[in-house]
PDB file of N, CA and C in Angstrom:
ATOM      1  N   UNK A   1     -42.262 -19.652  50.301  1.00  0.00           N
ATOM      2  CA  UNK A   1     -42.805 -19.084  48.922  1.00  0.00           C
ATOM      3  C   UNK A   1     -43.644 -19.974  48.054  1.00  0.00           C
ATOM      4  N   UNK A   2     -45.019 -19.782  47.960  1.00  0.00           N
ATOM      5  CA  UNK A   2     -45.438 -20.710  46.851  1.00  0.00           C
ATOM      6  C   UNK A   2     -44.896 -20.648  45.512  1.00  0.00           C
ATOM      7  N   UNK A   3     -44.909 -21.717  44.701  1.00  0.00           N
ATOM      8  CA  UNK A   3     -44.689 -22.084  43.308  1.00  0.00           C
ATOM      9  C   UNK A   3     -45.772 -21.728  42.583  1.00  0.00           C
ATOM     10  N   UNK A   4     -45.403 -21.222  41.378  1.00  0.00           N
ATOM     11  CA  UNK A   4     -46.554 -20.782  40.294  1.00  0.00           C
ATOM     12  C   UNK A   4     -46.759 -21.866  40.011  1.00  0.00           C
ATOM     13  N   UNK A   5     -48.235 -22.227  39.215  1.00  0.00           N
ATOM     14  CA  UNK A   5     -48.624 -23.587  38.500  1.00  0.00           C
ATOM     15  C   UNK A   5     -47.675 -23.963  37.378  1.00  0.00           C
ATOM     16  N   UNK A   6     -46.969 -22.855  36.784  1.00  0.00           N
ATOM     17  CA  UNK A   6     -46.434 -22.879  35.404  1.00  0.00           C
ATOM     18  C   UNK A   6     -44.853 -23.177  35.904  1.00  0.00           C
ATOM     19  N   UNK A   7     -44.496 -22.957  36.912  1.00  0.00           N
ATOM     20  CA  UNK A   7     -43.303 -23.246  37.751  1.00  0.00           C
ATOM     21  C   UNK A   7     -43.292 -24.753  38.068  1.00  0.00           C
ATOM     22  N   UNK A   8     -44.407 -25.315  38.576  1.00  0.00           N
ATOM     23  CA  UNK A   8     -44.254 -26.400  38.914  1.00  0.00           C
ATOM     24  C   UNK A   8     -44.527 -27.523  38.022  1.00  0.00           C
ATOM     25  N   UNK A   9     -45.069 -26.824  36.745  1.00  0.00           N
ATOM     26  CA  UNK A   9     -45.222 -27.973  35.492  1.00  0.00           C
ATOM     27  C   UNK A   9     -43.778 -28.078  34.820  1.00  0.00           C
ATOM     28  N   UNK A  10     -43.107 -26.792  34.853  1.00  0.00           N
ATOM     29  CA  UNK A  10     -41.625 -27.127  34.173  1.00  0.00           C
ATOM     30  C   UNK A  10     -41.108 -27.993  35.079  1.00  0.00           C
ATOM     31  N   UNK A  11     -41.004 -27.840  36.414  1.00  0.00           N
ATOM     32  CA  UNK A  11     -40.284 -28.593  36.912  1.00  0.00           C
ATOM     33  C   UNK A  11     -40.573 -30.373  36.941  1.00  0.00           C
ATOM     34  N   UNK A  12     -41.970 -30.806  36.765  1.00  0.00           N
ATOM     35  CA  UNK A  12     -42.392 -31.738  36.769  1.00  0.00           C
ATOM     36  C   UNK A  12     -41.657 -32.336  35.353  1.00  0.00           C
ATOM     37  N   UNK A  13     -41.925 -31.569  34.224  1.00  0.00           N
ATOM     38  CA  UNK A  13     -41.264 -32.000  33.076  1.00  0.00           C
ATOM     39  C   UNK A  13     -39.899 -32.075  33.019  1.00  0.00           C
ATOM     40  N   UNK A  14     -39.000 -31.368  33.577  1.00  0.00           N
ATOM     41  CA  UNK A  14     -37.735 -31.683  33.762  1.00  0.00           C
ATOM     42  C   UNK A  14     -37.192 -32.575  34.554  1.00  0.00           C
ATOM     43  N   UNK A  15     -38.017 -33.029  35.297  1.00  0.00           N
ATOM     44  CA  UNK A  15     -37.848 -34.087  36.415  1.00  0.00           C
ATOM     45  C   UNK A  15     -38.107 -35.457  35.607  1.00  0.00           C
ATOM     46  N   UNK A  16     -39.198 -35.454  34.773  1.00  0.00           N
ATOM     47  CA  UNK A  16     -39.701 -36.514  34.085  1.00  0.00           C
ATOM     48  C   UNK A  16     -39.149 -36.778  32.981  1.00  0.00           C
ATOM     49  N   UNK A  17     -38.457 -35.927  32.004  1.00  0.00           N
ATOM     50  CA  UNK A  17     -38.407 -35.630  30.708  1.00  0.00           C
ATOM     51  C   UNK A  17     -37.384 -36.915  30.104  1.00  0.00           C
ATOM     52  N   UNK A  18     -36.531 -37.656  31.104  1.00  0.00           N
ATOM     53  CA  UNK A  18     -35.834 -38.837  30.598  1.00  0.00           C
ATOM     54  C   UNK A  18     -36.594 -39.999  30.563  1.00  0.00           C
ATOM     55  N   UNK A  19     -38.168 -39.815  30.905  1.00  0.00           N
ATOM     56  CA  UNK A  19     -38.701 -41.125  30.711  1.00  0.00           C
ATOM     57  C   UNK A  19     -39.928 -40.942  29.836  1.00  0.00           C
ATOM     58  N   UNK A  20     -39.542 -39.784  28.772  1.00  0.00           N
ATOM     59  CA  UNK A  20     -40.446 -40.267  27.783  1.00  0.00           C
ATOM     60  C   UNK A  20     -40.409 -41.341  26.711  1.00  0.00           C
ATOM     61  N   UNK A  21     -39.213 -42.114  26.424  1.00  0.00           N
ATOM     62  CA  UNK A  21     -38.792 -42.944  25.920  1.00  0.00           C
ATOM     63  C   UNK A  21     -38.767 -44.207  26.825  1.00  0.00           C
ATOM     64  N   UNK A  22     -40.219 -45.022  27.074  1.00  0.00           N
ATOM     65  CA  UNK A  22     -39.824 -46.306  27.767  1.00  0.00           C
ATOM     66  C   UNK A  22     -38.966 -47.249  27.651  1.00  0.00           C
ATOM     67  N   UNK A  23     -38.132 -47.770  28.372  1.00  0.00           N
ATOM     68  CA  UNK A  23     -37.086 -48.522  28.064  1.00  0.00           C
ATOM     69  C   UNK A  23     -37.444 -50.080  27.987  1.00  0.00           C
ATOM     70  N   UNK A  24     -38.696 -50.179  28.122  1.00  0.00           N
ATOM     71  CA  UNK A  24     -39.111 -51.513  28.056  1.00  0.00           C
ATOM     72  C   UNK A  24     -39.710 -51.901  26.843  1.00  0.00           C
ATOM     73  N   UNK A  25     -39.787 -50.804  25.876  1.00  0.00           N
ATOM     74  CA  UNK A  25     -40.387 -50.950  24.618  1.00  0.00           C
ATOM     75  C   UNK A  25     -39.458 -51.390  23.557  1.00  0.00           C
ATOM     76  N   UNK A  26     -40.216 -52.177  22.301  1.00  0.00           N
ATOM     77  CA  UNK A  26     -39.314 -52.567  21.407  1.00  0.00           C
ATOM     78  C   UNK A  26     -38.808 -51.527  20.892  1.00  0.00           C
ATOM     79  N   UNK A  27     -37.587 -51.070  20.433  1.00  0.00           N
ATOM     80  CA  UNK A  27     -36.956 -50.373  19.561  1.00  0.00           C
ATOM     81  C   UNK A  27     -36.064 -50.351  18.553  1.00  0.00           C
ATOM     82  N   UNK A  28     -35.549 -49.440  17.601  1.00  0.00           N
ATOM     83  CA  UNK A  28     -34.391 -49.572  16.696  1.00  0.00           C
ATOM     84  C   UNK A  28     -33.084 -49.405  17.573  1.00  0.00           C
ATOM     85  N   UNK A  29     -33.293 -48.452  18.466  1.00  0.00           N
ATOM     86  CA  UNK A  29     -32.068 -47.882  19.498  1.00  0.00           C
ATOM     87  C   UNK A  29     -31.564 -49.027  20.600  1.00  0.00           C
ATOM     88  N   UNK A  30     -30.121 -49.150  20.751  1.00  0.00           N
ATOM     89  CA  UNK A  30     -29.939 -49.599  21.756  1.00  0.00           C
ATOM     90  C   UNK A  30     -30.146 -48.816  23.048  1.00  0.00           C
ATOM     91  N   UNK A  31     -29.983 -49.200  24.192  1.00  0.00           N
ATOM     92  CA  UNK A  31     -30.207 -48.878  25.584  1.00  0.00           C
ATOM     93  C   UNK A  31     -29.425 -47.630  25.643  1.00  0.00           C
ATOM     94  N   UNK A  32     -28.399 -47.577  25.546  1.00  0.00           N
ATOM     95  CA  UNK A  32     -27.344 -46.606  25.521  1.00  0.00           C
ATOM     96  C   UNK A  32     -27.617 -45.483  24.713  1.00  0.00           C
ATOM     97  N   UNK A  33     -27.995 -45.724  23.377  1.00  0.00           N
ATOM     98  CA  UNK A  33     -28.578 -44.793  22.541  1.00  0.00           C
ATOM     99  C   UNK A  33     -29.683 -43.978  22.957  1.00  0.00           C
ATOM    100  N   UNK A  34     -30.549 -44.947  23.408  1.00  0.00           N
ATOM    101  CA  UNK A  34     -31.878 -44.099  24.081  1.00  0.00           C
ATOM    102  C   UNK A  34     -31.249 -43.256  25.246  1.00  0.00           C
ATOM    103  N   UNK A  35     -30.784 -43.660  26.155  1.00  0.00           N
ATOM    104  CA  UNK A  35     -30.418 -43.122  27.063  1.00  0.00           C
ATOM    105  C   UNK A  35     -29.643 -41.449  26.996  1.00  0.00           C
ATOM    106  N   UNK A  36     -29.061 -41.728  25.754  1.00  0.00           N
ATOM    107  CA  UNK A  36     -28.029 -40.451  25.331  1.00  0.00           C
ATOM    108  C   UNK A  36     -29.098 -39.521  24.403  1.00  0.00           C
ATOM    109  N   UNK A  37     -30.260 -40.025  23.864  1.00  0.00           N
ATOM    110  CA  UNK A  37     -31.234 -39.014  23.161  1.00  0.00           C
ATOM    111  C   UNK A  37     -32.153 -38.574  24.405  1.00  0.00           C
ATOM    112  N   UNK A  38     -32.386 -39.353  25.425  1.00  0.00           N
ATOM    113  CA  UNK A  38     -33.295 -39.016  26.481  1.00  0.00           C
ATOM    114  C   UNK A  38     -32.545 -37.539  27.062  1.00  0.00           C
ATOM    115  N   UNK A  39     -31.173 -37.741  27.373  1.00  0.00           N
ATOM    116  CA  UNK A  39     -30.226 -36.943  28.002  1.00  0.00           C
ATOM    117  C   UNK A  39     -30.194 -35.678  27.159  1.00  0.00           C
ATOM    118  N   UNK A  40     -30.074 -35.649  25.819  1.00  0.00           N
ATOM    119  CA  UNK A  40     -30.014 -34.509  25.116  1.00  0.00           C
ATOM    120  C   UNK A  40     -31.812 -33.868  24.676  1.00  0.00           C
ATOM    121  N   UNK A  41     -32.482 -34.558  24.991  1.00  0.00           N
ATOM    122  CA  UNK A  41     -34.019 -33.905  24.776  1.00  0.00           C
ATOM    123  C   UNK A  41     -34.332 -33.167  26.141  1.00  0.00           C
ATOM    124  N   UNK A  42     -33.744 -33.753  27.348  1.00  0.00           N
ATOM    125  CA  UNK A  42     -33.833 -33.011  28.698  1.00  0.00           C
ATOM    126  C   UNK A  42     -32.899 -31.893  28.581  1.00  0.00           C
ATOM    127  N   UNK A  43     -32.003 -32.034  27.946  1.00  0.00           N
ATOM    128  CA  UNK A  43     -31.078 -30.757  27.948  1.00  0.00           C
ATOM    129  C   UNK A  43     -31.565 -29.682  27.319  1.00  0.00           C
ATOM    130  N   UNK A  44     -32.196 -30.017  26.043  1.00  0.00           N
ATOM    131  CA  UNK A  44     -32.637 -29.045  25.326  1.00  0.00           C
ATOM    132  C   UNK A  44     -34.029 -28.474  25.706  1.00  0.00           C
ATOM    133  N   UNK A  45     -34.755 -29.237  26.553  1.00  0.00           N
ATOM    134  CA  UNK A  45     -35.846 -28.738  27.191  1.00  0.00           C
ATOM    135  C   UNK A  45     -35.589 -27.808  28.579  1.00  0.00           C
ATOM    136  N   UNK A  46     -34.802 -27.819  28.992  1.00  0.00           N
ATOM    137  CA  UNK A  46     -34.096 -27.145  30.146  1.00  0.00           C
ATOM    138  C   UNK A  46     -33.436 -25.853  29.468  1.00  0.00           C
ATOM    139  N   UNK A  47     -32.773 -26.055  28.368  1.00  0.00           N
ATOM    140  CA  UNK A  47     -32.352 -24.716  27.607  1.00  0.00           C
ATOM    141  C   UNK A  47     -33.256 -23.941  27.116  1.00  0.00           C
ATOM    142  N   UNK A  48     -34.465 -24.405  26.903  1.00  0.00           N
ATOM    143  CA  UNK A  48     -35.575 -23.713  26.360  1.00  0.00           C
ATOM    144  C   UNK A  48     -36.105 -22.701  27.693  1.00  0.00           C
ATOM    145  N   UNK A  49     -36.501 -23.635  28.684  1.00  0.00           N
ATOM    146  CA  UNK A  49     -37.181 -23.037  29.818  1.00  0.00           C
ATOM    147  C   UNK A  49     -36.036 -21.829  30.477  1.00  0.00           C
ATOM    148  N   UNK A  50     -35.214 -22.013  30.215  1.00  0.00           N
ATOM    149  CA  UNK A  50     -33.906 -20.886  30.924  1.00  0.00           C
ATOM    150  C   UNK A  50     -34.262 -19.751  30.002  1.00  0.00           C
ATOM    151  N   UNK A  51     -34.021 -20.242  28.770  1.00  0.00           N
ATOM    152  CA  UNK A  51     -33.986 -19.091  27.629  1.00  0.00           C
ATOM    153  C   UNK A  51     -35.411 -18.138  27.952  1.00  0.00           C
ATOM    154  N   UNK A  52     -36.476 -18.940  28.084  1.00  0.00           N
ATOM    155  CA  UNK A  52     -37.944 -18.400  27.941  1.00  0.00           C
ATOM    156  C   UNK A  52     -37.929 -17.394  29.049  1.00  0.00           C
ATOM    157  N   UNK A  53     -37.358 -17.763  30.429  1.00  0.00           N
ATOM    158  CA  UNK A  53     -37.269 -17.197  31.775  1.00  0.00           C
ATOM    159  C   UNK A  53     -36.421 -15.756  31.457  1.00  0.00           C
ATOM    160  N   UNK A  54     -35.512 -15.830  30.678  1.00  0.00           N
ATOM    161  CA  UNK A  54     -34.193 -14.593  30.532  1.00  0.00           C
ATOM    162  C   UNK A  54     -34.998 -14.036  29.874  1.00  0.00           C
ATOM    163  N   UNK A  55     -35.707 -14.036  28.680  1.00  0.00           N
ATOM    164  CA  UNK A  55     -36.465 -13.166  28.086  1.00  0.00           C
ATOM    165  C   UNK A  55     -37.464 -12.491  28.854  1.00  0.00           C
ATOM    166  N   UNK A  56     -37.983 -12.930  29.455  1.00  0.00           N
ATOM    167  CA  UNK A  56     -39.362 -12.727  30.300  1.00  0.00           C
ATOM    168  C   UNK A  56     -38.970 -11.494  31.451  1.00  0.00           C
ATOM    169  N   UNK A  57     -37.792 -12.049  31.654  1.00  0.00           N
ATOM    170  CA  UNK A  57     -37.012 -10.782  33.040  1.00  0.00           C
ATOM    171  C   UNK A  57     -36.346  -9.937  32.059  1.00  0.00           C
ATOM    172  N   UNK A  58     -35.686  -9.846  31.112  1.00  0.00           N
ATOM    173  CA  UNK A  58     -35.570  -8.877  30.077  1.00  0.00           C
ATOM    174  C   UNK A  58     -36.375  -7.892  29.797  1.00  0.00           C
ATOM    175  N   UNK A  59     -37.632  -8.608  29.453  1.00  0.00           N
ATOM    176  CA  UNK A  59     -38.966  -7.656  28.842  1.00  0.00           C
ATOM    177  C   UNK A  59     -39.340  -6.756  30.100  1.00  0.00           C
ATOM    178  N   UNK A  60     -39.344  -7.202  31.285  1.00  0.00           N
ATOM    179  CA  UNK A  60     -39.830  -6.714  32.594  1.00  0.00           C
ATOM    180  C   UNK A  60     -39.179  -5.612  33.033  1.00  0.00           C
TER     181      UNK A  60
END
């Protein structure tokens, strides 16, 4: 079964969401704090994707 372009894009975003903040860059936050923020942002994005799919399925 072929994946739709939007599904491929969502999977790519979810797979690379934790790479948003480069860990080699100077920052005000420690590496541990950055990692926690990256995980939070990834989970928030995942929740939005699931909600959107649920609403789309309910509307169909």
